[in-house]
Amino acid sequence: PASGGAPASGSGSAKLPIGDGKAPMPSPGTCKVGKRDG
């Protein structure tokens, strides 16, 4: 389920993905803008 940009807690420890210009773009309508502190 889409998170809307609000992770559960903290900055975590998992590594971020290594950049890949060929990574796929998310399909239309599959992403949701979240909000924190306006």
PDB file of all heavy atoms in Angstrom:
ATOM      1  N   PRO A   1       0.830  -1.201   0.000  1.00  0.00           N
ATOM      2  CA  PRO A   1       0.000   0.000   0.000  1.00  0.00           C
ATOM      3  C   PRO A   1       0.859   1.245   0.000  1.00  0.00           C
ATOM      4  O   PRO A   1       1.853   1.324   0.701  1.00  0.00           O
ATOM      5  CB  PRO A   1      -0.799  -0.145   1.319  1.00  0.00           C
ATOM      6  CG  PRO A   1      -0.825  -1.614   1.582  1.00  0.00           C
ATOM      7  CD  PRO A   1       0.492  -2.127   1.083  1.00  0.00           C
ATOM      8  N   ALA A   2       0.449   2.261  -0.783  1.00  0.00           N
ATOM      9  CA  ALA A   2       1.219   3.496  -0.877  1.00  0.00           C
ATOM     10  C   ALA A   2       1.241   4.201   0.459  1.00  0.00           C
ATOM     11  O   ALA A   2       0.232   4.296   1.144  1.00  0.00           O
ATOM     12  CB  ALA A   2       0.611   4.412  -1.938  1.00  0.00           C
ATOM     13  N   SER A   3       2.408   4.724   0.822  1.00  0.00           N
ATOM     14  CA  SER A   3       2.575   5.312   2.139  1.00  0.00           C
ATOM     15  C   SER A   3       2.201   6.778   2.176  1.00  0.00           C
ATOM     16  O   SER A   3       2.035   7.341   3.241  1.00  0.00           O
ATOM     17  CB  SER A   3       4.040   5.172   2.578  1.00  0.00           C
ATOM     18  OG  SER A   3       4.861   5.936   1.726  1.00  0.00           O
ATOM     19  N   GLY A   4       2.142   7.431   1.005  1.00  0.00           N
ATOM     20  CA  GLY A   4       1.854   8.850   1.001  1.00  0.00           C
ATOM     21  C   GLY A   4       2.982   9.668   1.586  1.00  0.00           C
ATOM     22  O   GLY A   4       2.796  10.794   1.991  1.00  0.00           O
ATOM     23  N   GLY A   5       4.179   9.090   1.660  1.00  0.00           N
ATOM     24  CA  GLY A   5       5.350   9.828   2.065  1.00  0.00           C
ATOM     25  C   GLY A   5       5.528   9.955   3.569  1.00  0.00           C
ATOM     26  O   GLY A   5       6.320  10.757   4.029  1.00  0.00           O
ATOM     27  N   ALA A   6       4.833   9.164   4.356  1.00  0.00           N
ATOM     28  CA  ALA A   6       4.960   9.291   5.800  1.00  0.00           C
ATOM     29  C   ALA A   6       5.501   8.013   6.398  1.00  0.00           C
ATOM     30  O   ALA A   6       4.764   7.125   6.787  1.00  0.00           O
ATOM     31  CB  ALA A   6       3.595   9.619   6.422  1.00  0.00           C
ATOM     32  N   PRO A   7       6.823   7.839   6.489  1.00  0.00           N
ATOM     33  CA  PRO A   7       7.396   6.649   7.078  1.00  0.00           C
ATOM     34  C   PRO A   7       7.053   6.551   8.544  1.00  0.00           C
ATOM     35  O   PRO A   7       6.774   7.548   9.204  1.00  0.00           O
ATOM     36  CB  PRO A   7       8.912   6.832   6.856  1.00  0.00           C
ATOM     37  CG  PRO A   7       9.096   8.293   6.687  1.00  0.00           C
ATOM     38  CD  PRO A   7       7.829   8.800   6.064  1.00  0.00           C
ATOM     39  N   ALA A   8       7.116   5.337   9.061  1.00  0.00           N
ATOM     40  CA  ALA A   8       6.650   5.100  10.414  1.00  0.00           C
ATOM     41  C   ALA A   8       7.499   5.790  11.466  1.00  0.00           C
ATOM     42  O   ALA A   8       6.983   6.342  12.430  1.00  0.00           O
ATOM     43  CB  ALA A   8       6.617   3.585  10.684  1.00  0.00           C
ATOM     44  N   SER A   9       8.819   5.760  11.326  1.00  0.00           N
ATOM     45  CA  SER A   9       9.635   6.347  12.380  1.00  0.00           C
ATOM     46  C   SER A   9      11.051   6.602  11.922  1.00  0.00           C
ATOM     47  O   SER A   9      11.590   5.880  11.095  1.00  0.00           O
ATOM     48  CB  SER A   9       9.671   5.407  13.597  1.00  0.00           C
ATOM     49  OG  SER A   9      10.261   4.164  13.256  1.00  0.00           O
ATOM     50  N   GLY A  10      11.654   7.679  12.482  1.00  0.00           N
ATOM     51  CA  GLY A  10      13.078   7.925  12.385  1.00  0.00           C
ATOM     52  C   GLY A  10      13.669   7.914  11.002  1.00  0.00           C
ATOM     53  O   GLY A  10      13.002   7.878   9.987  1.00  0.00           O
ATOM     54  N   SER A  11      14.999   7.957  10.963  1.00  0.00           N
ATOM     55  CA  SER A  11      15.698   7.947   9.689  1.00  0.00           C
ATOM     56  C   SER A  11      16.111   6.552   9.272  1.00  0.00           C
ATOM     57  O   SER A  11      16.561   6.322   8.163  1.00  0.00           O
ATOM     58  CB  SER A  11      16.935   8.849   9.771  1.00  0.00           C
ATOM     59  OG  SER A  11      17.808   8.407  10.785  1.00  0.00           O
ATOM     60  N   GLY A  12      15.973   5.568  10.177  1.00  0.00           N
ATOM     61  CA  GLY A  12      16.258   4.182   9.825  1.00  0.00           C
ATOM     62  C   GLY A  12      17.724   3.938   9.531  1.00  0.00           C
ATOM     63  O   GLY A  12      18.572   4.809   9.659  1.00  0.00           O
ATOM     64  N   SER A  13      18.046   2.715   9.138  1.00  0.00           N
ATOM     65  CA  SER A  13      19.433   2.353   8.877  1.00  0.00           C
ATOM     66  C   SER A  13      19.625   1.682   7.526  1.00  0.00           C
ATOM     67  O   SER A  13      20.747   1.426   7.125  1.00  0.00           O
ATOM     68  CB  SER A  13      19.939   1.416   9.989  1.00  0.00           C
ATOM     69  OG  SER A  13      19.138   0.238  10.044  1.00  0.00           O
ATOM     70  N   ALA A  14      18.529   1.369   6.822  1.00  0.00           N
ATOM     71  CA  ALA A  14      18.652   0.699   5.533  1.00  0.00           C
ATOM     72  C   ALA A  14      19.352   1.605   4.535  1.00  0.00           C
ATOM     73  O   ALA A  14      19.151   2.818   4.524  1.00  0.00           O
ATOM     74  CB  ALA A  14      17.267   0.308   5.013  1.00  0.00           C
ATOM     75  N   LYS A  15      20.188   1.004   3.682  1.00  0.00           N
ATOM     76  CA  LYS A  15      20.905   1.783   2.682  1.00  0.00           C
ATOM     77  C   LYS A  15      19.967   2.205   1.562  1.00  0.00           C
ATOM     78  O   LYS A  15      19.046   1.499   1.194  1.00  0.00           O
ATOM     79  CB  LYS A  15      22.063   0.957   2.124  1.00  0.00           C
ATOM     80  CG  LYS A  15      23.176   0.704   3.125  1.00  0.00           C
ATOM     81  CD  LYS A  15      24.326  -0.049   2.466  1.00  0.00           C
ATOM     82  CE  LYS A  15      25.479  -0.256   3.449  1.00  0.00           C
ATOM     83  NZ  LYS A  15      26.620  -0.978   2.821  1.00  0.00           N
ATOM     84  N   LEU A  16      20.239   3.365   1.014  1.00  0.00           N
ATOM     85  CA  LEU A  16      19.456   3.854  -0.110  1.00  0.00           C
ATOM     86  C   LEU A  16      19.917   3.166  -1.388  1.00  0.00           C
ATOM     87  O   LEU A  16      21.070   2.747  -1.500  1.00  0.00           O
ATOM     88  CB  LEU A  16      19.634   5.364  -0.247  1.00  0.00           C
ATOM     89  CG  LEU A  16      19.099   6.207   0.911  1.00  0.00           C
ATOM     90  CD1 LEU A  16      19.502   7.657   0.719  1.00  0.00           C
ATOM     91  CD2 LEU A  16      17.594   6.080   1.016  1.00  0.00           C
ATOM     92  N   PRO A  17      19.030   3.046  -2.375  1.00  0.00           N
ATOM     93  CA  PRO A  17      19.406   2.428  -3.651  1.00  0.00           C
ATOM     94  C   PRO A  17      20.524   3.200  -4.339  1.00  0.00           C
ATOM     95  O   PRO A  17      20.634   4.419  -4.201  1.00  0.00           O
ATOM     96  CB  PRO A  17      18.109   2.497  -4.477  1.00  0.00           C
ATOM     97  CG  PRO A  17      17.013   2.683  -3.476  1.00  0.00           C
ATOM     98  CD  PRO A  17      17.607   3.452  -2.340  1.00  0.00           C
ATOM     99  N   ILE A  18      21.348   2.468  -5.078  1.00  0.00           N
ATOM    100  CA  ILE A  18      22.365   3.097  -5.909  1.00  0.00           C
ATOM    101  C   ILE A  18      21.691   3.603  -7.183  1.00  0.00           C
ATOM    102  O   ILE A  18      20.873   2.916  -7.783  1.00  0.00           O
ATOM    103  CB  ILE A  18      23.481   2.097  -6.268  1.00  0.00           C
ATOM    104  CG1 ILE A  18      24.168   1.599  -4.988  1.00  0.00           C
ATOM    105  CG2 ILE A  18      24.503   2.738  -7.203  1.00  0.00           C
ATOM    106  CD1 ILE A  18      24.826   2.683  -4.177  1.00  0.00           C
ATOM    107  N   GLY A  19      22.040   4.793  -7.594  1.00  0.00           N
ATOM    108  CA  GLY A  19      21.393   5.410  -8.736  1.00  0.00           C
ATOM    109  C   GLY A  19      21.498   4.603 -10.018  1.00  0.00           C
ATOM    110  O   GLY A  19      22.539   4.032 -10.323  1.00  0.00           O
ATOM    111  N   ASP A  20      20.388   4.568 -10.747  1.00  0.00           N
ATOM    112  CA  ASP A  20      20.324   3.864 -12.021  1.00  0.00           C
ATOM    113  C   ASP A  20      19.380   4.647 -12.935  1.00  0.00           C
ATOM    114  O   ASP A  20      18.174   4.666 -12.726  1.00  0.00           O
ATOM    115  CB  ASP A  20      19.818   2.436 -11.821  1.00  0.00           C
ATOM    116  CG  ASP A  20      19.700   1.656 -13.128  1.00  0.00           C
ATOM    117  OD1 ASP A  20      20.061   2.208 -14.189  1.00  0.00           O
ATOM    118  OD2 ASP A  20      19.247   0.496 -13.082  1.00  0.00           O
ATOM    119  N   GLY A  21      19.933   5.302 -13.944  1.00  0.00           N
ATOM    120  CA  GLY A  21      19.119   6.098 -14.847  1.00  0.00           C
ATOM    121  C   GLY A  21      18.103   5.293 -15.632  1.00  0.00           C
ATOM    122  O   GLY A  21      17.174   5.864 -16.205  1.00  0.00           O
ATOM    123  N   LYS A  22      18.251   3.964 -15.640  1.00  0.00           N
ATOM    124  CA  LYS A  22      17.326   3.110 -16.368  1.00  0.00           C
ATOM    125  C   LYS A  22      16.241   2.515 -15.471  1.00  0.00           C
ATOM    126  O   LYS A  22      15.441   1.690 -15.924  1.00  0.00           O
ATOM    127  CB  LYS A  22      18.093   1.990 -17.063  1.00  0.00           C
ATOM    128  CG  LYS A  22      19.069   2.490 -18.123  1.00  0.00           C
ATOM    129  CD  LYS A  22      19.790   1.331 -18.800  1.00  0.00           C
ATOM    130  CE  LYS A  22      20.753   1.852 -19.869  1.00  0.00           C
ATOM    131  NZ  LYS A  22      21.493   0.738 -20.532  1.00  0.00           N
ATOM    132  N   ALA A  23      16.216   2.913 -14.208  1.00  0.00           N
ATOM    133  CA  ALA A  23      15.166   2.431 -13.308  1.00  0.00           C
ATOM    134  C   ALA A  23      13.800   2.859 -13.852  1.00  0.00           C
ATOM    135  O   ALA A  23      13.667   3.953 -14.407  1.00  0.00           O
ATOM    136  CB  ALA A  23      15.371   2.988 -11.906  1.00  0.00           C
ATOM    137  N   PRO A  24      12.777   2.030 -13.708  1.00  0.00           N
ATOM    138  CA  PRO A  24      11.465   2.355 -14.287  1.00  0.00           C
ATOM    139  C   PRO A  24      10.756   3.479 -13.544  1.00  0.00           C
ATOM    140  O   PRO A  24      10.887   3.625 -12.327  1.00  0.00           O
ATOM    141  CB  PRO A  24      10.687   1.041 -14.151  1.00  0.00           C
ATOM    142  CG  PRO A  24      11.333   0.345 -12.987  1.00  0.00           C
ATOM    143  CD  PRO A  24      12.790   0.699 -13.069  1.00  0.00           C
ATOM    144  N   MET A  25      10.021   4.267 -14.290  1.00  0.00           N
ATOM    145  CA  MET A  25       9.169   5.304 -13.717  1.00  0.00           C
ATOM    146  C   MET A  25       7.911   4.638 -13.159  1.00  0.00           C
ATOM    147  O   MET A  25       7.381   3.709 -13.773  1.00  0.00           O
ATOM    148  CB  MET A  25       8.775   6.313 -14.796  1.00  0.00           C
ATOM    149  CG  MET A  25       7.972   7.506 -14.309  1.00  0.00           C
ATOM    150  SD  MET A  25       8.920   8.687 -13.341  1.00  0.00           S
ATOM    151  CE  MET A  25      10.044   9.359 -14.598  1.00  0.00           C
ATOM    152  N   PRO A  26       7.432   5.040 -11.974  1.00  0.00           N
ATOM    153  CA  PRO A  26       6.191   4.461 -11.449  1.00  0.00           C
ATOM    154  C   PRO A  26       5.031   4.640 -12.436  1.00  0.00           C
ATOM    155  O   PRO A  26       4.966   5.636 -13.155  1.00  0.00           O
ATOM    156  CB  PRO A  26       5.952   5.256 -10.163  1.00  0.00           C
ATOM    157  CG  PRO A  26       7.300   5.746  -9.769  1.00  0.00           C
ATOM    158  CD  PRO A  26       8.022   6.015 -11.048  1.00  0.00           C
ATOM    159  N   SER A  27       4.136   3.695 -12.477  1.00  0.00           N
ATOM    160  CA  SER A  27       3.004   3.750 -13.389  1.00  0.00           C
ATOM    161  C   SER A  27       2.085   4.913 -13.050  1.00  0.00           C
ATOM    162  O   SER A  27       2.024   5.370 -11.891  1.00  0.00           O
ATOM    163  CB  SER A  27       2.206   2.438 -13.317  1.00  0.00           C
ATOM    164  OG  SER A  27       3.027   1.347 -13.675  1.00  0.00           O
ATOM    165  N   PRO A  28       1.362   5.434 -14.030  1.00  0.00           N
ATOM    166  CA  PRO A  28       0.444   6.558 -13.781  1.00  0.00           C
ATOM    167  C   PRO A  28      -0.554   6.257 -12.664  1.00  0.00           C
ATOM    168  O   PRO A  28      -1.120   5.167 -12.590  1.00  0.00           O
ATOM    169  CB  PRO A  28      -0.273   6.717 -15.126  1.00  0.00           C
ATOM    170  CG  PRO A  28       0.711   6.224 -16.132  1.00  0.00           C
ATOM    171  CD  PRO A  28       1.400   5.060 -15.463  1.00  0.00           C
ATOM    172  N   GLY A  29      -0.742   7.219 -11.792  1.00  0.00           N
ATOM    173  CA  GLY A  29      -1.739   7.105 -10.736  1.00  0.00           C
ATOM    174  C   GLY A  29      -1.370   6.208  -9.579  1.00  0.00           C
ATOM    175  O   GLY A  29      -2.212   5.960  -8.709  1.00  0.00           O
ATOM    176  N   THR A  30      -0.134   5.718  -9.518  1.00  0.00           N
ATOM    177  CA  THR A  30       0.235   4.783  -8.447  1.00  0.00           C
ATOM    178  C   THR A  30       0.871   5.470  -7.245  1.00  0.00           C
ATOM    179  O   THR A  30       1.118   4.817  -6.233  1.00  0.00           O
ATOM    180  CB  THR A  30       1.203   3.706  -8.968  1.00  0.00           C
ATOM    181  OG1 THR A  30       2.366   4.343  -9.516  1.00  0.00           O
ATOM    182  CG2 THR A  30       0.542   2.844 -10.023  1.00  0.00           C
ATOM    183  N   CYS A  31       1.149   6.764  -7.334  1.00  0.00           N
ATOM    184  CA  CYS A  31       1.852   7.462  -6.255  1.00  0.00           C
ATOM    185  C   CYS A  31       0.950   8.508  -5.602  1.00  0.00           C
ATOM    186  O   CYS A  31       0.074   9.080  -6.249  1.00  0.00           O
ATOM    187  CB  CYS A  31       3.112   8.132  -6.791  1.00  0.00           C
ATOM    188  SG  CYS A  31       4.183   7.046  -7.768  1.00  0.00           S
ATOM    189  N   LYS A  32       1.200   8.765  -4.340  1.00  0.00           N
ATOM    190  CA  LYS A  32       0.368   9.694  -3.579  1.00  0.00           C
ATOM    191  C   LYS A  32       1.252  10.665  -2.814  1.00  0.00           C
ATOM    192  O   LYS A  32       2.169  10.263  -2.106  1.00  0.00           O
ATOM    193  CB  LYS A  32      -0.519   8.917  -2.600  1.00  0.00           C
ATOM    194  CG  LYS A  32      -1.448   9.784  -1.775  1.00  0.00           C
ATOM    195  CD  LYS A  32      -2.270   8.922  -0.837  1.00  0.00           C
ATOM    196  CE  LYS A  32      -3.194   9.770   0.040  1.00  0.00           C
ATOM    197  NZ  LYS A  32      -3.960   8.917   1.000  1.00  0.00           N
ATOM    198  N   VAL A  33       0.964  11.946  -2.946  1.00  0.00           N
ATOM    199  CA  VAL A  33       1.704  12.969  -2.209  1.00  0.00           C
ATOM    200  C   VAL A  33       1.274  12.939  -0.745  1.00  0.00           C
ATOM    201  O   VAL A  33       0.088  12.961  -0.432  1.00  0.00           O
ATOM    202  CB  VAL A  33       1.454  14.378  -2.788  1.00  0.00           C
ATOM    203  CG1 VAL A  33       2.176  15.437  -1.947  1.00  0.00           C
ATOM    204  CG2 VAL A  33       1.922  14.444  -4.234  1.00  0.00           C
ATOM    205  N   GLY A  34       2.250  12.860   0.158  1.00  0.00           N
ATOM    206  CA  GLY A  34       1.963  12.905   1.582  1.00  0.00           C
ATOM    207  C   GLY A  34       2.193  14.307   2.124  1.00  0.00           C
ATOM    208  O   GLY A  34       2.493  15.236   1.377  1.00  0.00           O
ATOM    209  N   LYS A  35       2.080  14.462   3.428  1.00  0.00           N
ATOM    210  CA  LYS A  35       2.259  15.786   4.023  1.00  0.00           C
ATOM    211  C   LYS A  35       2.711  15.639   5.466  1.00  0.00           C
ATOM    212  O   LYS A  35       2.300  14.721   6.187  1.00  0.00           O
ATOM    213  CB  LYS A  35       0.958  16.578   3.965  1.00  0.00           C
ATOM    214  CG  LYS A  35       1.087  18.028   4.454  1.00  0.00           C
ATOM    215  CD  LYS A  35      -0.187  18.817   4.183  1.00  0.00           C
ATOM    216  CE  LYS A  35      -0.334  19.120   2.703  1.00  0.00           C
ATOM    217  NZ  LYS A  35      -1.452  20.064   2.432  1.00  0.00           N
ATOM    218  N   ARG A  36       3.611  16.525   5.864  1.00  0.00           N
ATOM    219  CA  ARG A  36       4.062  16.604   7.252  1.00  0.00           C
ATOM    220  C   ARG A  36       4.353  18.065   7.564  1.00  0.00           C
ATOM    221  O   ARG A  36       5.072  18.725   6.827  1.00  0.00           O
ATOM    222  CB  ARG A  36       5.316  15.749   7.446  1.00  0.00           C
ATOM    223  CG  ARG A  36       6.018  15.869   8.812  1.00  0.00           C
ATOM    224  CD  ARG A  36       5.194  15.232   9.935  1.00  0.00           C
ATOM    225  NE  ARG A  36       5.860  15.382  11.222  1.00  0.00           N
ATOM    226  CZ  ARG A  36       6.504  14.399  11.860  1.00  0.00           C
ATOM    227  NH1 ARG A  36       6.589  13.193  11.311  1.00  0.00           N
ATOM    228  NH2 ARG A  36       7.066  14.603  13.026  1.00  0.00           N
ATOM    229  N   ASP A  37       3.792  18.561   8.654  1.00  0.00           N
ATOM    230  CA  ASP A  37       3.986  19.955   9.051  1.00  0.00           C
ATOM    231  C   ASP A  37       3.639  20.919   7.916  1.00  0.00           C
ATOM    232  O   ASP A  37       4.294  21.946   7.732  1.00  0.00           O
ATOM    233  CB  ASP A  37       5.423  20.190   9.506  1.00  0.00           C
ATOM    234  CG  ASP A  37       5.794  19.355  10.728  1.00  0.00           C
ATOM    235  OD1 ASP A  37       4.879  18.977  11.480  1.00  0.00           O
ATOM    236  OD2 ASP A  37       6.998  19.082  10.922  1.00  0.00           O
ATOM    237  N   GLY A  38       2.617  20.581   7.153  1.00  0.00           N
ATOM    238  CA  GLY A  38       2.168  21.440   6.074  1.00  0.00           C
ATOM    239  C   GLY A  38       3.018  21.393   4.822  1.00  0.00           C
ATOM    240  O   GLY A  38       2.766  22.141   3.875  1.00  0.00           O
TER     241      GLY A  38
END
